[in-house]
Amino acid sequence: MHRILFVCLGNICRSTMAQFVMTDLVSRAGRADEFVIDSAGTSDEERGNPPHHGTVSKLRSVGVPVLAHRARRVRAGEYGNWDLVVYMDEDNGWSLNRIFSGDPDHKCAKLLSYVPEDSPLRPRARLRDGSVRDVADPWWTGNFDDTYRDVRAGCEALLEALR
């Protein structure tokens, strides 16, 4: 059983999109019974809110089912509940390190770190200095297409890594 928690700041855009995309990918692969997938935020700002309308619209346009969801904040005590805690940007990683008081089991990773170097993803998942790029944040840009591109590539690569 693979237990994956996707994390972003508010849990209404990127992490929710990743949760729904990954759920759809494992379902289409006939592997749904092998996974527990959820999402959370590092803040309480959006607690209780549904997914952002831009996330819902983008997912519906590409045929990814939108599931029932209300934003929540990740809790320190749930570190042991997950095999992987997959975050969207460096700030999320920093916040998770603070919330969990570290990452002793090395289960926290940035989503685009799963995308191989030779991926056709544009812009590339890695920056010139070799660091892993953040998933595009539609909260600031309104561009849910770029976010979906990044989330889809990261989730496909993650699923491949879990074969």
Protein backbone atom coordinates (compact mmCIF):
# COMPACT_ATOMS: atom_id res chain seq x y z
CA MET A 1 0.00 0.00 0.00
CA HIS A 2 1.35 3.42 -0.98
CA ARG A 3 0.14 6.24 1.28
CA ILE A 4 0.75 9.65 -0.33
CA LEU A 5 -0.05 13.11 1.00
CA PHE A 6 0.22 16.04 -1.43
CA VAL A 7 0.90 19.42 0.20
CA CYS A 8 0.79 23.08 -0.83
CA LEU A 9 0.07 26.28 1.11
CA GLY A 10 -3.74 26.48 1.20
CA ASN A 11 -4.86 23.08 -0.12
CA ILE A 12 -7.27 24.48 -2.72
CA CYS A 13 -5.14 24.64 -5.90
CA ARG A 14 -1.95 22.62 -6.43
CA SER A 15 -2.11 19.89 -3.78
CA THR A 16 -5.78 19.28 -4.47
CA MET A 17 -5.07 19.10 -8.20
CA ALA A 18 -2.27 16.61 -7.53
CA GLN A 19 -4.54 14.50 -5.31
CA PHE A 20 -7.20 14.29 -8.01
CA VAL A 21 -4.74 13.72 -10.88
CA MET A 22 -2.90 10.97 -8.99
CA THR A 23 -6.18 9.34 -7.98
CA ASP A 24 -7.25 9.35 -11.63
CA LEU A 25 -3.89 7.97 -12.84
CA VAL A 26 -3.88 5.06 -10.38
CA SER A 27 -7.51 4.31 -11.17
CA ARG A 28 -6.83 4.23 -14.93
CA ALA A 29 -3.82 1.99 -14.29
CA GLY A 30 -6.03 -0.45 -12.36
CA ARG A 31 -4.01 0.16 -9.20
CA ALA A 32 -6.47 2.13 -7.05
CA ASP A 33 -6.48 -0.55 -4.34
CA GLU A 34 -2.71 -0.05 -3.88
CA PHE A 35 -2.98 3.63 -2.88
CA VAL A 36 -4.30 5.97 -0.22
CA ILE A 37 -4.07 9.54 -1.55
CA ASP A 38 -4.93 12.77 0.23
CA SER A 39 -3.88 16.41 0.31
CA ALA A 40 -3.40 19.15 2.87
CA GLY A 41 -2.01 22.64 3.26
CA THR A 42 0.69 24.09 5.48
CA SER A 43 -1.61 26.92 6.59
CA ASP A 44 -5.13 27.32 7.92
CA GLU A 45 -5.94 30.17 5.50
CA GLU A 46 -8.36 28.14 3.37
CA ARG A 47 -9.46 25.56 5.96
CA GLY A 48 -12.88 24.18 5.11
CA ASN A 49 -13.00 25.68 1.62
CA PRO A 50 -13.63 23.60 -1.52
CA PRO A 51 -11.10 23.37 -4.36
CA HIS A 52 -10.44 26.62 -6.22
CA HIS A 53 -12.80 27.13 -9.15
CA GLY A 54 -9.79 27.32 -11.51
CA THR A 55 -8.61 23.89 -10.37
CA VAL A 56 -12.10 22.46 -10.80
CA SER A 57 -12.49 24.01 -14.25
CA LYS A 58 -9.10 22.81 -15.50
CA LEU A 59 -9.58 19.27 -14.24
CA ARG A 60 -13.04 19.00 -15.74
CA SER A 61 -11.71 20.28 -19.09
CA VAL A 62 -9.21 17.40 -19.23
CA GLY A 63 -11.57 14.73 -17.91
CA VAL A 64 -10.09 14.29 -14.43
CA PRO A 65 -12.82 13.62 -11.85
CA VAL A 66 -13.16 16.25 -9.15
CA LEU A 67 -13.73 14.58 -5.79
CA ALA A 68 -15.36 15.85 -2.62
CA HIS A 69 -12.75 17.87 -0.75
CA ARG A 70 -12.43 20.53 1.93
CA ALA A 71 -9.10 22.22 2.59
CA ARG A 72 -7.27 21.21 5.75
CA ARG A 73 -3.95 21.84 7.42
CA VAL A 74 -1.38 19.07 7.79
CA ARG A 75 -0.80 18.13 11.43
CA ALA A 76 2.50 17.24 13.08
CA GLY A 77 1.13 13.93 14.35
CA GLU A 78 0.31 12.58 10.91
CA TYR A 79 3.92 12.25 9.70
CA GLY A 80 3.84 8.53 10.49
CA ASN A 81 0.61 8.04 8.53
CA TRP A 82 2.26 8.63 5.14
CA ASP A 83 4.88 6.86 3.06
CA LEU A 84 5.42 10.00 1.00
CA VAL A 85 4.66 13.65 1.67
CA VAL A 86 4.91 15.36 -1.70
CA TYR A 87 5.06 19.15 -1.69
CA MET A 88 4.78 21.75 -4.44
CA ASP A 89 7.39 24.41 -3.63
CA GLU A 90 10.38 25.26 -1.44
CA ASP A 91 8.25 27.22 1.03
CA ASN A 92 6.04 24.15 1.53
CA GLY A 93 9.13 22.04 2.17
CA TRP A 94 10.40 24.52 4.75
CA SER A 95 6.98 24.61 6.44
CA LEU A 96 6.72 20.82 6.52
CA ASN A 97 10.15 20.60 8.11
CA ARG A 98 8.91 22.97 10.83
CA ILE A 99 5.52 21.22 11.27
CA PHE A 100 7.06 17.75 11.43
CA SER A 101 10.18 18.87 13.35
CA GLY A 102 12.31 17.47 10.54
CA ASP A 103 12.04 14.58 8.12
CA PRO A 104 13.84 11.69 9.85
CA ASP A 105 12.51 9.05 7.44
CA HIS A 106 13.22 11.10 4.30
CA LYS A 107 9.67 10.85 3.05
CA CYS A 108 9.17 14.51 2.06
CA ALA A 109 9.97 15.41 -1.55
CA LYS A 110 9.13 18.10 -4.06
CA LEU A 111 6.74 16.82 -6.75
CA LEU A 112 8.89 17.77 -9.72
CA SER A 113 11.87 15.89 -8.22
CA TYR A 114 10.28 12.72 -9.63
CA VAL A 115 10.43 14.02 -13.22
CA PRO A 116 13.50 12.63 -15.02
CA GLU A 117 16.11 14.94 -16.54
CA ASP A 118 15.25 13.81 -20.09
CA SER A 119 11.55 14.66 -19.70
CA PRO A 120 9.97 16.74 -22.46
CA LEU A 121 8.40 18.92 -19.73
CA ARG A 122 8.75 22.62 -20.60
CA PRO A 123 9.89 24.50 -18.70
CA ARG A 124 12.22 21.83 -17.46
CA ALA A 125 11.71 20.35 -14.00
CA ARG A 126 15.27 21.25 -13.00
CA LEU A 127 16.84 24.67 -13.04
CA ARG A 128 20.31 25.39 -14.45
CA ASP A 129 21.88 25.01 -11.02
CA GLY A 130 20.39 21.49 -10.78
CA SER A 131 17.76 22.36 -8.18
CA VAL A 132 14.20 21.19 -8.67
CA ARG A 133 11.74 23.79 -9.94
CA ASP A 134 8.57 24.60 -8.01
CA VAL A 135 5.17 23.60 -9.40
CA ALA A 136 3.65 26.69 -11.03
CA ASP A 137 1.37 28.44 -8.54
CA PRO A 138 -1.93 29.54 -10.12
CA TRP A 139 -2.89 31.54 -7.03
CA TRP A 140 -0.55 34.29 -8.23
CA THR A 141 -0.74 33.82 -12.00
CA GLY A 142 -4.26 32.54 -12.63
CA ASN A 143 -2.64 30.08 -15.08
CA PHE A 144 -4.05 26.67 -14.24
CA ASP A 145 -2.74 25.24 -17.53
CA ASP A 146 0.89 25.54 -16.38
CA THR A 147 -0.02 24.11 -12.99
CA TYR A 148 -1.76 21.15 -14.60
CA ARG A 149 1.25 20.55 -16.89
CA ASP A 150 3.57 20.40 -13.88
CA VAL A 151 1.22 18.36 -11.70
CA ARG A 152 0.50 15.85 -14.47
CA ALA A 153 4.20 15.36 -15.26
CA GLY A 154 5.07 15.00 -11.58
CA CYS A 155 2.26 12.55 -10.84
CA GLU A 156 3.01 10.42 -13.92
CA ALA A 157 6.69 10.26 -12.92
CA LEU A 158 5.78 9.45 -9.31
CA LEU A 159 3.49 6.63 -10.39
CA GLU A 160 6.25 5.27 -12.62
CA ALA A 161 8.69 5.43 -9.69
CA LEU A 162 6.24 3.37 -7.59
CA ARG A 163 6.05 0.46 -10.06
